[in-house]
């Protein structure tokens, strides 16, 4: 029996490791398009696009592509966002990471990109159920912007569907505003994945 249990744990550990794949579809935009994502237009109808690495002076952080918003002398992409619903285990700690970029020729805080999570699977980043988890903002310092890498943990919440949002702000019509996102990753914590596979109850981690 002991050998069987040891073998089962070993198999579960391998399976849990393999199952810790990205819960999002096309998180690195390597399809070259926005497959898996809902592309919601901004105030003036401007939407996100997928660019090849190096476009507009922005390198991709993973692979060959990234998604972003570029405005020149307009604010049509202000409040535009991408969102994706994904299946998740309930009341489980999730690990997340994302790369964000923002650059502008304005002298004000006119460009940024923020990330929100809704554990209820909603479709509005401004809803009360959506929580801000990361953001990258820039003001006048053209050409010096760099990718910011962010990561953390969040409770998946009740239910089996969550939504991640990437929302941009281009609120001043200057020569150009650029914001971008790449390498969006959400996975269950390894211990949580192992317990789920083993059919054991999950213990919710308390935050300090």
N, C-alpha and C. Protein backbone atom coordinates (compact mmCIF):
# COMPACT_ATOMS: atom_id res chain seq x y z
N UNK A 1 0.83 -1.21 0.00
CA UNK A 1 0.00 0.00 0.00
C UNK A 1 0.86 1.26 0.00
N UNK A 2 1.95 1.21 0.80
CA UNK A 2 2.82 2.38 0.88
C UNK A 2 3.44 2.69 -0.48
N UNK A 3 3.87 1.64 -1.20
CA UNK A 3 4.45 1.85 -2.52
C UNK A 3 3.42 2.45 -3.46
N UNK A 4 2.19 1.97 -3.33
CA UNK A 4 1.12 2.48 -4.18
C UNK A 4 0.90 3.97 -3.92
N UNK A 5 0.89 4.35 -2.62
CA UNK A 5 0.67 5.75 -2.27
C UNK A 5 1.82 6.62 -2.76
N UNK A 6 3.05 6.12 -2.57
CA UNK A 6 4.21 6.88 -3.04
C UNK A 6 4.15 7.06 -4.55
N UNK A 7 3.79 5.97 -5.23
CA UNK A 7 3.68 6.05 -6.68
C UNK A 7 2.60 7.02 -7.11
N UNK A 8 1.47 7.00 -6.37
CA UNK A 8 0.37 7.90 -6.70
C UNK A 8 0.79 9.35 -6.52
N UNK A 9 1.48 9.64 -5.41
CA UNK A 9 1.93 11.00 -5.16
C UNK A 9 2.90 11.46 -6.24
N UNK A 10 3.80 10.56 -6.64
CA UNK A 10 4.76 10.90 -7.69
C UNK A 10 4.05 11.21 -9.00
N UNK A 11 3.08 10.38 -9.34
CA UNK A 11 2.32 10.61 -10.57
C UNK A 11 1.57 11.93 -10.50
N UNK A 12 0.95 12.19 -9.34
CA UNK A 12 0.21 13.43 -9.17
C UNK A 12 1.12 14.64 -9.26
N UNK A 13 2.33 14.52 -8.70
CA UNK A 13 3.27 15.64 -8.75
C UNK A 13 3.65 15.96 -10.18
N UNK A 14 3.93 14.92 -10.97
CA UNK A 14 4.26 15.13 -12.38
C UNK A 14 3.08 15.72 -13.12
N UNK A 15 1.90 15.18 -12.85
CA UNK A 15 0.70 15.68 -13.52
C UNK A 15 0.41 17.11 -13.13
N UNK A 16 0.59 17.43 -11.85
CA UNK A 16 0.35 18.80 -11.39
C UNK A 16 1.29 19.76 -12.07
N UNK A 17 2.56 19.35 -12.22
CA UNK A 17 3.53 20.20 -12.89
C UNK A 17 3.12 20.44 -14.33
N UNK A 18 2.67 19.36 -14.98
CA UNK A 18 2.26 19.48 -16.37
C UNK A 18 1.00 20.32 -16.50
N UNK A 19 0.13 20.24 -15.46
CA UNK A 19 -1.14 20.94 -15.53
C UNK A 19 -1.00 22.42 -15.21
N UNK A 20 0.18 22.85 -14.77
CA UNK A 20 0.37 24.24 -14.42
C UNK A 20 0.61 25.10 -15.65
N UNK A 21 -0.01 24.71 -16.75
CA UNK A 21 0.08 25.50 -17.97
C UNK A 21 -0.79 26.73 -17.83
N UNK A 22 -0.58 27.68 -18.72
CA UNK A 22 -1.35 28.92 -18.69
C UNK A 22 -2.84 28.63 -18.81
N UNK A 23 -3.63 29.20 -17.92
CA UNK A 23 -5.07 29.02 -17.97
C UNK A 23 -5.71 29.91 -19.03
N UNK A 24 -4.92 30.84 -19.59
CA UNK A 24 -5.41 31.73 -20.63
C UNK A 24 -5.03 31.20 -22.01
N UNK A 25 -5.84 31.51 -22.99
CA UNK A 25 -5.53 31.17 -24.37
C UNK A 25 -4.76 32.32 -25.01
N UNK A 26 -3.63 31.99 -25.66
CA UNK A 26 -2.88 32.99 -26.42
C UNK A 26 -2.41 34.14 -25.54
N UNK A 27 -1.89 33.79 -24.35
CA UNK A 27 -1.44 34.83 -23.43
C UNK A 27 -0.24 35.60 -23.91
N UNK A 28 0.54 35.03 -24.84
CA UNK A 28 1.69 35.72 -25.39
C UNK A 28 1.44 36.29 -26.77
N UNK A 29 0.20 36.17 -27.27
CA UNK A 29 -0.22 36.70 -28.58
C UNK A 29 0.60 36.11 -29.73
N UNK A 30 1.09 34.89 -29.51
CA UNK A 30 1.96 34.27 -30.52
C UNK A 30 1.20 33.70 -31.71
N UNK A 31 -0.13 33.78 -31.69
CA UNK A 31 -0.88 33.43 -32.91
C UNK A 31 -0.76 34.55 -33.93
N UNK A 32 -0.24 35.70 -33.51
CA UNK A 32 -0.15 36.84 -34.40
C UNK A 32 -1.45 37.62 -34.50
N UNK A 33 -2.43 37.24 -33.69
CA UNK A 33 -3.70 37.96 -33.65
C UNK A 33 -4.26 37.90 -32.23
N UNK A 34 -5.51 38.29 -32.07
CA UNK A 34 -6.11 38.36 -30.73
C UNK A 34 -7.01 37.17 -30.44
N UNK A 35 -6.68 36.02 -31.00
CA UNK A 35 -7.41 34.79 -30.70
C UNK A 35 -7.50 34.60 -29.18
N UNK A 36 -8.70 34.31 -28.70
CA UNK A 36 -8.92 34.09 -27.27
C UNK A 36 -9.31 35.33 -26.49
N UNK A 37 -9.10 36.49 -27.08
CA UNK A 37 -9.35 37.75 -26.39
C UNK A 37 -10.55 38.48 -26.98
N UNK A 38 -11.28 39.22 -26.14
CA UNK A 38 -12.33 40.13 -26.60
C UNK A 38 -11.71 41.52 -26.68
N UNK A 39 -11.82 42.16 -27.84
CA UNK A 39 -11.18 43.44 -28.11
C UNK A 39 -12.24 44.54 -28.05
N UNK A 40 -12.29 45.25 -26.94
CA UNK A 40 -13.33 46.26 -26.71
C UNK A 40 -12.78 47.64 -27.09
N UNK A 41 -13.48 48.38 -27.95
CA UNK A 41 -12.98 49.69 -28.40
C UNK A 41 -13.02 50.75 -27.32
N UNK A 42 -12.19 51.78 -27.51
CA UNK A 42 -12.15 52.90 -26.59
C UNK A 42 -13.23 53.92 -26.88
N UNK A 43 -13.10 55.09 -26.25
CA UNK A 43 -14.12 56.12 -26.36
C UNK A 43 -14.40 56.54 -27.80
N UNK A 44 -13.35 56.55 -28.62
CA UNK A 44 -13.51 56.97 -30.01
C UNK A 44 -13.50 55.83 -31.00
N UNK A 45 -13.62 54.60 -30.50
CA UNK A 45 -13.69 53.44 -31.38
C UNK A 45 -12.37 52.75 -31.67
N UNK A 46 -11.26 53.28 -31.14
CA UNK A 46 -9.96 52.65 -31.38
C UNK A 46 -9.81 51.37 -30.58
N UNK A 47 -9.15 50.37 -31.17
CA UNK A 47 -9.01 49.06 -30.54
C UNK A 47 -7.54 48.64 -30.47
N UNK A 48 -7.30 47.55 -29.78
CA UNK A 48 -5.96 46.97 -29.68
C UNK A 48 -5.59 46.28 -30.99
N UNK A 49 -4.30 46.15 -31.21
CA UNK A 49 -3.76 45.41 -32.34
C UNK A 49 -2.63 44.52 -31.84
N UNK A 50 -2.28 43.52 -32.65
CA UNK A 50 -1.10 42.71 -32.37
C UNK A 50 0.01 43.18 -33.29
N UNK A 51 1.17 43.44 -32.72
CA UNK A 51 2.32 43.96 -33.46
C UNK A 51 3.47 42.96 -33.41
N UNK A 52 4.30 42.99 -34.44
CA UNK A 52 5.55 42.23 -34.42
C UNK A 52 6.53 42.94 -33.49
N UNK A 53 7.36 42.15 -32.81
CA UNK A 53 8.36 42.73 -31.93
C UNK A 53 9.23 43.73 -32.66
N UNK A 54 9.45 44.89 -32.08
CA UNK A 54 10.21 45.95 -32.71
C UNK A 54 9.36 47.04 -33.31
N UNK A 55 8.06 46.76 -33.52
CA UNK A 55 7.16 47.78 -34.06
C UNK A 55 7.05 48.95 -33.08
N UNK A 56 7.08 50.16 -33.62
CA UNK A 56 6.99 51.37 -32.80
C UNK A 56 8.10 51.42 -31.74
N UNK A 57 9.20 50.73 -32.01
CA UNK A 57 10.31 50.72 -31.07
C UNK A 57 10.07 49.90 -29.83
N UNK A 58 9.07 49.01 -29.89
CA UNK A 58 8.74 48.19 -28.72
C UNK A 58 9.11 46.73 -29.00
N UNK A 59 10.03 46.14 -28.27
CA UNK A 59 10.35 44.73 -28.47
C UNK A 59 9.30 43.84 -27.81
N UNK A 60 9.09 42.66 -28.35
CA UNK A 60 8.25 41.68 -27.67
C UNK A 60 9.04 41.11 -26.50
N UNK A 61 8.38 40.80 -25.41
CA UNK A 61 9.08 40.20 -24.27
C UNK A 61 9.07 38.69 -24.32
N UNK A 62 8.19 38.12 -25.12
CA UNK A 62 8.12 36.67 -25.29
C UNK A 62 7.79 36.39 -26.74
N UNK A 63 8.60 35.59 -27.40
CA UNK A 63 8.30 35.22 -28.78
C UNK A 63 8.43 36.40 -29.73
N UNK A 64 7.49 36.47 -30.68
CA UNK A 64 7.61 37.42 -31.79
C UNK A 64 6.58 38.54 -31.78
N UNK A 65 5.57 38.47 -30.91
CA UNK A 65 4.47 39.42 -30.98
C UNK A 65 4.11 39.97 -29.60
N UNK A 66 3.43 41.11 -29.63
CA UNK A 66 2.80 41.67 -28.43
C UNK A 66 1.52 42.37 -28.86
N UNK A 67 0.65 42.65 -27.91
CA UNK A 67 -0.58 43.40 -28.21
C UNK A 67 -0.44 44.80 -27.65
N UNK A 68 -1.08 45.76 -28.32
CA UNK A 68 -0.97 47.12 -27.83
C UNK A 68 -1.91 48.10 -28.49
N UNK A 69 -1.79 49.33 -28.04
CA UNK A 69 -2.60 50.44 -28.53
C UNK A 69 -1.64 51.59 -28.85
N UNK A 70 -1.74 52.15 -30.05
CA UNK A 70 -0.91 53.29 -30.45
C UNK A 70 -1.82 54.39 -30.97
N UNK A 71 -1.72 55.57 -30.38
CA UNK A 71 -2.52 56.73 -30.79
C UNK A 71 -1.61 57.87 -31.19
N UNK A 72 -1.99 58.60 -32.23
CA UNK A 72 -1.25 59.78 -32.67
C UNK A 72 -2.22 60.93 -32.87
N UNK A 73 -2.08 61.95 -32.04
CA UNK A 73 -2.93 63.14 -32.09
C UNK A 73 -4.41 62.82 -31.94
N UNK A 74 -4.75 61.79 -31.21
CA UNK A 74 -6.15 61.49 -30.95
C UNK A 74 -6.27 60.72 -29.63
N UNK A 75 -7.50 60.57 -29.18
CA UNK A 75 -7.77 59.82 -27.94
C UNK A 75 -8.76 58.69 -28.21
N UNK A 76 -8.77 58.18 -29.44
CA UNK A 76 -9.78 57.18 -29.81
C UNK A 76 -9.61 55.87 -29.05
N UNK A 77 -8.42 55.62 -28.50
CA UNK A 77 -8.19 54.37 -27.77
C UNK A 77 -8.29 54.54 -26.26
N UNK A 78 -8.67 55.71 -25.83
CA UNK A 78 -8.84 55.94 -24.39
C UNK A 78 -9.91 55.01 -23.82
N UNK A 79 -9.56 54.28 -22.77
CA UNK A 79 -10.45 53.32 -22.09
C UNK A 79 -10.72 52.06 -22.91
N UNK A 80 -9.95 51.81 -23.95
CA UNK A 80 -10.06 50.54 -24.67
C UNK A 80 -9.49 49.42 -23.80
N UNK A 81 -9.96 48.20 -24.00
CA UNK A 81 -9.41 47.10 -23.21
C UNK A 81 -9.58 45.75 -23.91
N UNK A 82 -8.75 44.83 -23.48
CA UNK A 82 -8.86 43.41 -23.84
C UNK A 82 -9.37 42.67 -22.62
N UNK A 83 -10.17 41.66 -22.84
CA UNK A 83 -10.54 40.80 -21.71
C UNK A 83 -10.67 39.35 -22.17
N UNK A 84 -10.48 38.46 -21.23
CA UNK A 84 -10.61 37.03 -21.51
C UNK A 84 -11.19 36.32 -20.29
N UNK A 85 -12.26 35.58 -20.51
CA UNK A 85 -12.81 34.71 -19.48
C UNK A 85 -12.07 33.38 -19.51
N UNK A 86 -11.87 32.78 -18.34
CA UNK A 86 -11.17 31.50 -18.28
C UNK A 86 -11.77 30.64 -17.17
N UNK A 87 -11.64 29.35 -17.35
CA UNK A 87 -12.13 28.39 -16.36
C UNK A 87 -11.12 28.25 -15.24
N UNK A 88 -11.60 28.25 -14.00
CA UNK A 88 -10.70 28.21 -12.85
C UNK A 88 -11.29 27.34 -11.75
N UNK A 89 -10.45 26.81 -10.87
CA UNK A 89 -10.96 26.15 -9.67
C UNK A 89 -11.43 27.21 -8.68
N UNK A 90 -12.45 26.89 -7.92
CA UNK A 90 -12.98 27.86 -6.95
C UNK A 90 -12.11 27.94 -5.70
N UNK A 91 -12.03 29.14 -5.14
CA UNK A 91 -11.34 29.38 -3.86
C UNK A 91 -9.95 28.78 -3.82
N UNK A 92 -9.18 29.07 -4.83
CA UNK A 92 -7.81 28.57 -4.96
C UNK A 92 -6.87 29.74 -5.21
N UNK A 93 -5.66 29.67 -4.68
CA UNK A 93 -4.69 30.71 -4.97
C UNK A 93 -4.15 30.54 -6.38
N UNK A 94 -4.15 31.64 -7.13
CA UNK A 94 -3.63 31.65 -8.49
C UNK A 94 -2.37 32.50 -8.55
N UNK A 95 -1.37 32.02 -9.27
CA UNK A 95 -0.19 32.82 -9.57
C UNK A 95 -0.42 33.55 -10.89
N UNK A 96 -0.03 34.80 -10.97
CA UNK A 96 -0.18 35.54 -12.22
C UNK A 96 1.09 36.34 -12.51
N UNK A 97 1.33 36.59 -13.79
CA UNK A 97 2.43 37.46 -14.19
C UNK A 97 2.06 38.11 -15.52
N UNK A 98 2.61 39.29 -15.77
CA UNK A 98 2.27 40.05 -16.97
C UNK A 98 3.35 41.09 -17.23
N UNK A 99 3.58 41.40 -18.50
CA UNK A 99 4.50 42.46 -18.90
C UNK A 99 3.70 43.62 -19.48
N UNK A 100 3.98 44.84 -19.02
CA UNK A 100 3.24 46.03 -19.43
C UNK A 100 4.20 47.12 -19.89
N UNK A 101 3.73 47.95 -20.82
CA UNK A 101 4.56 49.01 -21.40
C UNK A 101 3.72 50.26 -21.60
N UNK A 102 4.28 51.43 -21.31
CA UNK A 102 3.59 52.70 -21.56
C UNK A 102 4.61 53.78 -21.88
N UNK A 103 4.32 54.56 -22.93
CA UNK A 103 5.23 55.64 -23.34
C UNK A 103 4.41 56.75 -23.99
N UNK A 104 4.87 57.98 -23.85
CA UNK A 104 4.12 59.12 -24.38
C UNK A 104 5.03 60.31 -24.61
N UNK A 105 4.58 61.25 -25.47
CA UNK A 105 5.29 62.52 -25.63
C UNK A 105 4.61 63.63 -24.84
N UNK A 106 3.59 63.29 -24.07
CA UNK A 106 2.87 64.29 -23.28
C UNK A 106 3.61 64.61 -21.99
N UNK A 107 3.37 65.80 -21.46
CA UNK A 107 3.97 66.18 -20.20
C UNK A 107 3.09 65.87 -19.01
N UNK A 108 2.03 65.15 -19.24
CA UNK A 108 1.11 64.76 -18.17
C UNK A 108 1.05 63.23 -18.10
N UNK A 109 0.36 62.75 -17.08
CA UNK A 109 0.16 61.30 -16.96
C UNK A 109 -0.96 60.89 -17.91
N UNK A 110 -0.67 60.89 -19.21
CA UNK A 110 -1.73 60.71 -20.20
C UNK A 110 -1.80 59.31 -20.78
N UNK A 111 -0.88 58.44 -20.44
CA UNK A 111 -0.91 57.09 -21.00
C UNK A 111 -0.60 56.07 -19.91
N UNK A 112 -1.33 54.98 -19.93
CA UNK A 112 -1.09 53.91 -18.97
C UNK A 112 -1.84 52.67 -19.37
N UNK A 113 -1.53 51.59 -18.70
CA UNK A 113 -2.24 50.33 -18.93
C UNK A 113 -2.40 49.65 -17.57
N UNK A 114 -3.63 49.26 -17.27
CA UNK A 114 -3.97 48.66 -15.98
C UNK A 114 -4.55 47.26 -16.17
N UNK A 115 -4.38 46.43 -15.15
CA UNK A 115 -4.86 45.05 -15.18
C UNK A 115 -5.86 44.86 -14.04
N UNK A 116 -6.99 44.25 -14.37
CA UNK A 116 -8.04 43.98 -13.39
C UNK A 116 -8.43 42.50 -13.45
N UNK A 117 -8.92 41.99 -12.33
CA UNK A 117 -9.40 40.61 -12.27
C UNK A 117 -10.79 40.58 -11.66
N UNK A 118 -11.72 39.90 -12.33
CA UNK A 118 -13.07 39.72 -11.81
C UNK A 118 -13.29 38.23 -11.55
N UNK A 119 -13.41 37.81 -10.29
CA UNK A 119 -13.58 36.39 -9.97
C UNK A 119 -14.94 35.85 -10.36
N UNK A 120 -15.86 36.74 -10.74
CA UNK A 120 -17.21 36.31 -11.10
C UNK A 120 -17.40 36.15 -12.61
N UNK A 121 -16.34 36.37 -13.38
CA UNK A 121 -16.46 36.20 -14.82
C UNK A 121 -17.18 37.33 -15.52
N UNK A 122 -17.17 38.54 -14.93
CA UNK A 122 -17.85 39.69 -15.52
C UNK A 122 -17.16 40.19 -16.79
N UNK A 123 -17.77 41.19 -17.42
CA UNK A 123 -17.25 41.71 -18.68
C UNK A 123 -16.93 43.20 -18.62
N UNK A 124 -16.93 43.79 -17.43
CA UNK A 124 -16.68 45.23 -17.28
C UNK A 124 -15.56 45.46 -16.27
N UNK A 125 -14.42 46.02 -16.71
CA UNK A 125 -13.31 46.23 -15.77
C UNK A 125 -13.62 47.27 -14.71
N UNK A 126 -14.65 48.08 -14.93
CA UNK A 126 -15.02 49.11 -13.96
C UNK A 126 -16.10 48.65 -12.97
N UNK A 127 -16.50 47.39 -13.09
CA UNK A 127 -17.52 46.86 -12.18
C UNK A 127 -16.96 46.74 -10.76
N UNK A 128 -17.85 46.77 -9.78
CA UNK A 128 -17.43 46.67 -8.38
C UNK A 128 -16.74 45.34 -8.08
N UNK A 129 -17.05 44.32 -8.86
CA UNK A 129 -16.47 43.00 -8.62
C UNK A 129 -15.07 42.85 -9.20
N UNK A 130 -14.64 43.80 -10.03
CA UNK A 130 -13.31 43.74 -10.65
C UNK A 130 -12.30 44.46 -9.77
N UNK A 131 -11.16 43.82 -9.54
CA UNK A 131 -10.12 44.36 -8.67
C UNK A 131 -8.86 44.68 -9.46
N UNK A 132 -8.30 45.86 -9.24
CA UNK A 132 -7.03 46.25 -9.88
C UNK A 132 -5.90 45.41 -9.28
N UNK A 133 -5.03 44.86 -10.16
CA UNK A 133 -3.91 44.07 -9.65
C UNK A 133 -2.55 44.57 -10.12
N UNK A 134 -2.49 45.36 -11.20
CA UNK A 134 -1.20 45.86 -11.68
C UNK A 134 -1.42 47.01 -12.64
N UNK A 135 -0.36 47.83 -12.85
CA UNK A 135 -0.46 48.92 -13.79
C UNK A 135 0.89 49.50 -14.13
N UNK A 136 1.00 50.09 -15.32
CA UNK A 136 2.22 50.74 -15.79
C UNK A 136 1.82 52.09 -16.39
N UNK A 137 2.42 53.18 -15.87
CA UNK A 137 2.10 54.52 -16.34
C UNK A 137 3.39 55.27 -16.66
N UNK A 138 3.28 56.23 -17.59
CA UNK A 138 4.45 57.00 -17.98
C UNK A 138 4.04 58.42 -18.35
N UNK A 139 4.91 59.38 -18.14
CA UNK A 139 4.68 60.73 -18.60
C UNK A 139 5.84 61.13 -19.50
N UNK A 140 6.01 62.40 -19.75
CA UNK A 140 6.95 62.85 -20.77
C UNK A 140 8.37 62.35 -20.51
N UNK A 141 8.76 61.40 -21.30
CA UNK A 141 10.11 60.86 -21.26
C UNK A 141 10.27 59.98 -22.50
N UNK A 142 9.99 60.54 -23.68
CA UNK A 142 9.89 59.73 -24.90
C UNK A 142 11.16 58.96 -25.21
N UNK A 143 10.96 57.71 -25.61
CA UNK A 143 12.07 56.88 -26.03
C UNK A 143 12.78 56.17 -24.91
N UNK A 144 12.44 56.47 -23.66
CA UNK A 144 13.15 55.85 -22.54
C UNK A 144 12.31 54.79 -21.84
N UNK A 145 11.07 54.60 -22.28
CA UNK A 145 10.20 53.62 -21.63
C UNK A 145 10.72 52.20 -21.82
N UNK A 146 10.43 51.35 -20.87
CA UNK A 146 10.81 49.94 -20.94
C UNK A 146 9.67 49.10 -20.39
N UNK A 147 9.69 47.84 -20.74
CA UNK A 147 8.68 46.92 -20.21
C UNK A 147 8.80 46.82 -18.69
N UNK A 148 7.68 46.78 -18.03
CA UNK A 148 7.64 46.47 -16.61
C UNK A 148 7.05 45.09 -16.41
N UNK A 149 7.71 44.25 -15.64
CA UNK A 149 7.23 42.89 -15.38
C UNK A 149 6.60 42.83 -13.99
N UNK A 150 5.39 42.32 -13.93
CA UNK A 150 4.65 42.27 -12.67
C UNK A 150 4.19 40.84 -12.41
N UNK A 151 4.11 40.49 -11.14
CA UNK A 151 3.63 39.15 -10.78
C UNK A 151 3.06 39.19 -9.37
N UNK A 152 2.26 38.20 -9.05
CA UNK A 152 1.67 38.14 -7.73
C UNK A 152 0.76 36.95 -7.59
N UNK A 153 -0.05 36.98 -6.54
CA UNK A 153 -1.02 35.92 -6.28
C UNK A 153 -2.38 36.54 -6.01
N UNK A 154 -3.41 35.81 -6.33
CA UNK A 154 -4.77 36.26 -6.04
C UNK A 154 -5.64 35.05 -5.78
N UNK A 155 -6.67 35.25 -4.97
CA UNK A 155 -7.62 34.16 -4.75
C UNK A 155 -8.56 34.09 -5.93
N UNK A 156 -8.79 32.90 -6.44
CA UNK A 156 -9.63 32.74 -7.63
C UNK A 156 -11.07 33.15 -7.37
N UNK A 157 -11.52 33.10 -6.10
CA UNK A 157 -12.89 33.43 -5.78
C UNK A 157 -13.83 32.26 -6.01
N UNK A 158 -15.08 32.45 -5.64
CA UNK A 158 -16.08 31.40 -5.84
C UNK A 158 -16.40 31.25 -7.33
N UNK A 159 -17.02 30.15 -7.66
CA UNK A 159 -17.40 29.93 -9.05
C UNK A 159 -16.27 29.37 -9.88
N UNK A 160 -16.55 29.09 -11.12
CA UNK A 160 -15.58 28.42 -11.99
C UNK A 160 -15.16 29.25 -13.19
N UNK A 161 -15.59 30.51 -13.26
CA UNK A 161 -15.20 31.38 -14.37
C UNK A 161 -14.68 32.71 -13.83
N UNK A 162 -13.50 33.11 -14.29
CA UNK A 162 -12.93 34.40 -13.95
C UNK A 162 -12.65 35.19 -15.23
N UNK A 163 -12.38 36.48 -15.08
CA UNK A 163 -12.06 37.32 -16.23
C UNK A 163 -10.85 38.18 -15.91
N UNK A 164 -9.92 38.23 -16.85
CA UNK A 164 -8.78 39.14 -16.76
C UNK A 164 -8.99 40.27 -17.76
N UNK A 165 -8.70 41.50 -17.34
CA UNK A 165 -8.85 42.68 -18.20
C UNK A 165 -7.51 43.40 -18.31
N UNK A 166 -7.17 43.88 -19.51
CA UNK A 166 -6.04 44.78 -19.71
C UNK A 166 -6.61 46.04 -20.35
N UNK A 167 -6.60 47.13 -19.59
CA UNK A 167 -7.27 48.37 -20.02
C UNK A 167 -6.25 49.49 -20.18
N UNK A 168 -6.37 50.25 -21.27
CA UNK A 168 -5.43 51.34 -21.51
C UNK A 168 -6.10 52.69 -21.35
N UNK A 169 -5.30 53.70 -21.06
CA UNK A 169 -5.76 55.09 -20.98
C UNK A 169 -4.87 55.92 -21.91
N UNK A 170 -5.49 56.56 -22.90
CA UNK A 170 -4.83 57.52 -23.79
C UNK A 170 -5.68 58.79 -23.72
N UNK A 171 -5.50 59.60 -22.70
CA UNK A 171 -6.46 60.67 -22.46
C UNK A 171 -5.99 62.06 -22.90
N UNK A 172 -4.92 62.10 -23.70
CA UNK A 172 -4.43 63.39 -24.16
C UNK A 172 -3.90 63.21 -25.58
N UNK A 173 -4.46 63.97 -26.54
CA UNK A 173 -4.07 63.79 -27.94
C UNK A 173 -2.76 64.46 -28.26
N UNK A 174 -1.67 63.74 -28.13
CA UNK A 174 -0.34 64.28 -28.40
C UNK A 174 0.27 63.54 -29.58
N UNK A 175 1.55 63.81 -29.85
CA UNK A 175 2.20 63.21 -31.02
C UNK A 175 2.01 61.70 -31.04
N UNK A 176 2.26 61.06 -29.91
CA UNK A 176 1.90 59.65 -29.80
C UNK A 176 1.81 59.20 -28.35
N UNK A 177 0.92 58.27 -28.14
CA UNK A 177 0.80 57.51 -26.90
C UNK A 177 0.91 56.04 -27.27
N UNK A 178 1.70 55.31 -26.53
CA UNK A 178 1.88 53.88 -26.81
C UNK A 178 1.72 53.09 -25.52
N UNK A 179 0.92 52.06 -25.55
CA UNK A 179 0.81 51.14 -24.42
C UNK A 179 0.71 49.72 -24.96
N UNK A 180 1.21 48.78 -24.19
CA UNK A 180 1.29 47.41 -24.71
C UNK A 180 1.26 46.39 -23.58
N UNK A 181 0.99 45.14 -23.97
CA UNK A 181 0.93 44.03 -23.03
C UNK A 181 1.51 42.79 -23.69
N UNK A 182 2.16 41.95 -22.91
CA UNK A 182 2.72 40.71 -23.43
C UNK A 182 2.84 39.70 -22.29
N UNK A 183 2.90 38.43 -22.68
CA UNK A 183 3.24 37.36 -21.74
C UNK A 183 2.31 37.33 -20.53
N UNK A 184 1.01 37.24 -20.78
CA UNK A 184 0.01 37.19 -19.70
C UNK A 184 -0.15 35.74 -19.25
N UNK A 185 0.12 35.48 -17.99
CA UNK A 185 0.15 34.10 -17.49
C UNK A 185 -0.65 33.99 -16.20
N UNK A 186 -1.56 33.02 -16.13
CA UNK A 186 -2.29 32.70 -14.90
C UNK A 186 -2.25 31.19 -14.71
N UNK A 187 -1.77 30.76 -13.55
CA UNK A 187 -1.70 29.33 -13.24
C UNK A 187 -2.12 29.11 -11.79
N UNK A 188 -2.67 27.94 -11.46
CA UNK A 188 -2.92 27.62 -10.05
C UNK A 188 -1.59 27.35 -9.36
N UNK A 189 -1.50 27.69 -8.08
CA UNK A 189 -0.30 27.37 -7.33
C UNK A 189 -0.03 25.87 -7.43
N UNK A 190 1.24 25.46 -7.53
CA UNK A 190 1.54 24.02 -7.64
C UNK A 190 0.90 23.18 -6.55
N UNK A 191 0.94 23.65 -5.31
CA UNK A 191 0.33 22.88 -4.21
C UNK A 191 -1.16 22.75 -4.41
N UNK A 192 -1.79 23.82 -4.89
CA UNK A 192 -3.23 23.79 -5.12
C UNK A 192 -3.57 22.83 -6.24
N UNK A 193 -2.75 22.85 -7.30
CA UNK A 193 -3.00 21.95 -8.41
C UNK A 193 -2.86 20.50 -7.97
N UNK A 194 -1.88 20.22 -7.11
CA UNK A 194 -1.67 18.86 -6.62
C UNK A 194 -2.86 18.41 -5.78
N UNK A 195 -3.34 19.27 -4.89
CA UNK A 195 -4.48 18.92 -4.06
C UNK A 195 -5.74 18.71 -4.89
N UNK A 196 -5.90 19.53 -5.90
CA UNK A 196 -7.07 19.38 -6.77
C UNK A 196 -7.04 18.03 -7.47
N UNK A 197 -5.87 17.67 -7.97
CA UNK A 197 -5.74 16.40 -8.67
C UNK A 197 -5.94 15.23 -7.72
N UNK A 198 -5.52 15.41 -6.48
CA UNK A 198 -5.65 14.33 -5.51
C UNK A 198 -7.06 14.24 -4.93
N UNK A 199 -7.89 15.23 -5.24
CA UNK A 199 -9.25 15.23 -4.72
C UNK A 199 -9.31 15.62 -3.26
N UNK A 200 -8.29 16.33 -2.76
CA UNK A 200 -8.25 16.74 -1.37
C UNK A 200 -8.79 18.15 -1.22
N UNK A 201 -9.34 18.48 -0.05
CA UNK A 201 -9.86 19.84 0.15
C UNK A 201 -8.73 20.85 0.15
N UNK A 202 -9.02 22.05 -0.35
CA UNK A 202 -8.03 23.10 -0.40
C UNK A 202 -8.13 23.98 0.84
N UNK A 203 -6.99 24.40 1.35
CA UNK A 203 -6.96 25.33 2.47
C UNK A 203 -6.68 26.71 1.92
N UNK A 204 -7.53 27.66 2.23
CA UNK A 204 -7.34 29.02 1.74
C UNK A 204 -6.20 29.67 2.50
N UNK A 205 -5.24 30.21 1.79
CA UNK A 205 -4.10 30.86 2.43
C UNK A 205 -4.51 32.23 2.95
N UNK A 206 -4.12 32.49 4.19
CA UNK A 206 -4.38 33.80 4.75
C UNK A 206 -3.29 34.77 4.32
N UNK A 207 -3.70 35.96 3.98
CA UNK A 207 -2.73 36.99 3.63
C UNK A 207 -2.37 37.78 4.88
N UNK A 208 -1.10 38.14 4.98
CA UNK A 208 -0.65 38.90 6.14
C UNK A 208 -1.25 40.30 6.13
